[in-house]
């Protein structure tokens, strides 16, 4: 499952530099699949929408840091545990119960993001 940042977030930013997929953004900031990844050309998002890898997407949240689900691998293939959760001082980086994903899916996403 992807990790989400709950509204208990204090906007400290500790999580952002820890993400190996550059999936964490400050509230209100547009994001792109290509940010911090090796992806270029087109990319198919989880919902089936095809986008240009460098196309700016709408922020997931305007007020607090957020994690882009299409880029989150829960740090599988990089670390033993999600690094955002490990460094969060208020424990607001938690598994998203609506997005349960098996390790194989997370590894495949990692491989797609880091060619």
Protein backbone atom coordinates (compact mmCIF):
# COMPACT_ATOMS: atom_id res chain seq x y z
CA UNK A 1 0.00 0.00 0.00
CA UNK A 2 1.14 3.53 -0.58
CA UNK A 3 1.94 5.71 2.40
CA UNK A 4 -0.19 8.77 3.12
CA UNK A 5 0.48 11.83 5.23
CA UNK A 6 -2.34 12.57 7.63
CA UNK A 7 -3.63 15.99 8.58
CA UNK A 8 -1.57 15.80 11.79
CA UNK A 9 1.39 16.85 9.60
CA UNK A 10 3.25 19.85 11.06
CA UNK A 11 4.90 20.70 7.71
CA UNK A 12 8.40 20.18 9.07
CA UNK A 13 9.62 18.72 5.77
CA UNK A 14 11.73 15.98 7.38
CA UNK A 15 10.18 13.33 5.13
CA UNK A 16 10.76 14.95 1.75
CA UNK A 17 14.53 14.42 1.34
CA UNK A 18 14.28 10.84 2.62
CA UNK A 19 12.11 9.56 -0.24
CA UNK A 20 14.14 7.59 -2.83
CA UNK A 21 11.40 8.13 -5.42
CA UNK A 22 10.90 11.85 -4.90
CA UNK A 23 7.24 11.08 -4.19
CA UNK A 24 6.83 13.63 -1.37
CA UNK A 25 5.94 17.24 -2.08
CA UNK A 26 5.13 20.31 -0.04
CA UNK A 27 1.44 21.20 0.05
CA UNK A 28 0.29 23.14 -3.00
CA UNK A 29 3.25 22.16 -5.17
CA UNK A 30 2.68 20.64 -8.60
CA UNK A 31 4.46 17.35 -9.26
CA UNK A 32 5.66 15.27 -12.21
CA UNK A 33 6.53 11.61 -12.61
CA UNK A 34 9.95 12.64 -13.95
CA UNK A 35 10.87 14.57 -10.78
CA UNK A 36 13.79 12.65 -9.29
CA UNK A 37 13.28 9.59 -11.48
CA UNK A 38 14.68 8.23 -14.72
CA UNK A 39 11.30 8.34 -16.48
CA UNK A 40 10.91 10.24 -19.75
CA UNK A 41 8.39 10.16 -22.56
CA UNK A 42 4.94 8.98 -21.52
CA UNK A 43 3.92 7.21 -18.34
CA UNK A 44 0.70 5.41 -17.51
CA UNK A 45 -0.65 6.42 -14.12
CA UNK A 46 -2.32 3.89 -11.85
CA UNK A 47 -5.81 4.87 -13.04
CA UNK A 48 -4.85 4.21 -16.68
CA UNK A 49 -4.32 7.84 -17.67
CA UNK A 50 -1.32 8.34 -19.94
CA UNK A 51 0.68 11.50 -19.18
CA UNK A 52 3.93 13.04 -20.31
CA UNK A 53 6.48 12.17 -17.62
CA UNK A 54 7.48 15.81 -17.25
CA UNK A 55 3.89 17.16 -17.27
CA UNK A 56 3.02 19.07 -14.14
CA UNK A 57 0.17 17.48 -12.18
CA UNK A 58 -2.17 19.08 -9.66
CA UNK A 59 -1.09 18.91 -6.01
CA UNK A 60 -2.62 16.06 -4.00
CA UNK A 61 -3.03 18.45 -1.05
CA UNK A 62 -2.80 22.22 -0.78
CA UNK A 63 -2.10 22.55 2.93
CA UNK A 64 0.27 19.79 4.06
CA UNK A 65 3.03 17.66 2.59
CA UNK A 66 1.68 14.85 0.43
CA UNK A 67 2.84 11.62 -1.16
CA UNK A 68 2.09 10.90 -4.81
CA UNK A 69 0.69 7.34 -4.81
CA UNK A 70 1.93 6.70 -8.36
CA UNK A 71 5.50 7.24 -7.15
CA UNK A 72 5.37 5.63 -3.69
CA UNK A 73 6.98 2.20 -3.31
CA UNK A 74 7.02 2.22 0.51
CA UNK A 75 10.81 2.24 0.03
CA UNK A 76 10.66 -1.42 -1.09
CA UNK A 77 13.89 -2.23 -2.89
CA UNK A 78 15.68 0.62 -1.13
CA UNK A 79 15.17 0.29 2.63
CA UNK A 80 13.72 -2.06 5.23
CA UNK A 81 10.92 0.38 6.12
CA UNK A 82 9.36 3.53 4.67
CA UNK A 83 11.84 6.29 5.41
CA UNK A 84 9.20 9.02 5.63
CA UNK A 85 7.58 7.17 8.54
CA UNK A 86 10.96 6.53 10.17
CA UNK A 87 11.85 10.23 10.34
CA UNK A 88 8.41 11.77 10.96
CA UNK A 89 8.40 13.43 14.39
CA UNK A 90 4.60 13.23 14.73
CA UNK A 91 4.01 9.80 13.16
CA UNK A 92 1.72 11.10 10.43
CA UNK A 93 3.22 9.01 7.59
CA UNK A 94 1.05 5.90 7.70
CA UNK A 95 -0.04 3.10 5.35
CA UNK A 96 -3.05 4.01 3.23
CA UNK A 97 -5.73 1.41 4.02
CA UNK A 98 -7.42 2.16 0.67
CA UNK A 99 -4.31 1.23 -1.35
CA UNK A 100 -3.08 -2.20 -0.32
CA UNK A 101 -0.36 -3.37 -2.70
CA UNK A 102 1.79 -6.47 -2.68
CA UNK A 103 5.58 -6.25 -2.62
CA UNK A 104 5.78 -7.42 -6.24
CA UNK A 105 3.66 -4.45 -7.35
CA UNK A 106 5.84 -2.04 -5.37
CA UNK A 107 9.02 -3.53 -6.85
CA UNK A 108 7.60 -3.27 -10.36
CA UNK A 109 6.78 0.41 -9.72
CA UNK A 110 10.32 0.98 -8.44
CA UNK A 111 11.71 -0.58 -11.63
CA UNK A 112 9.46 1.62 -13.81
CA UNK A 113 10.58 4.77 -11.99
CA UNK A 114 14.29 3.92 -11.93
CA UNK A 115 15.06 2.47 -15.37
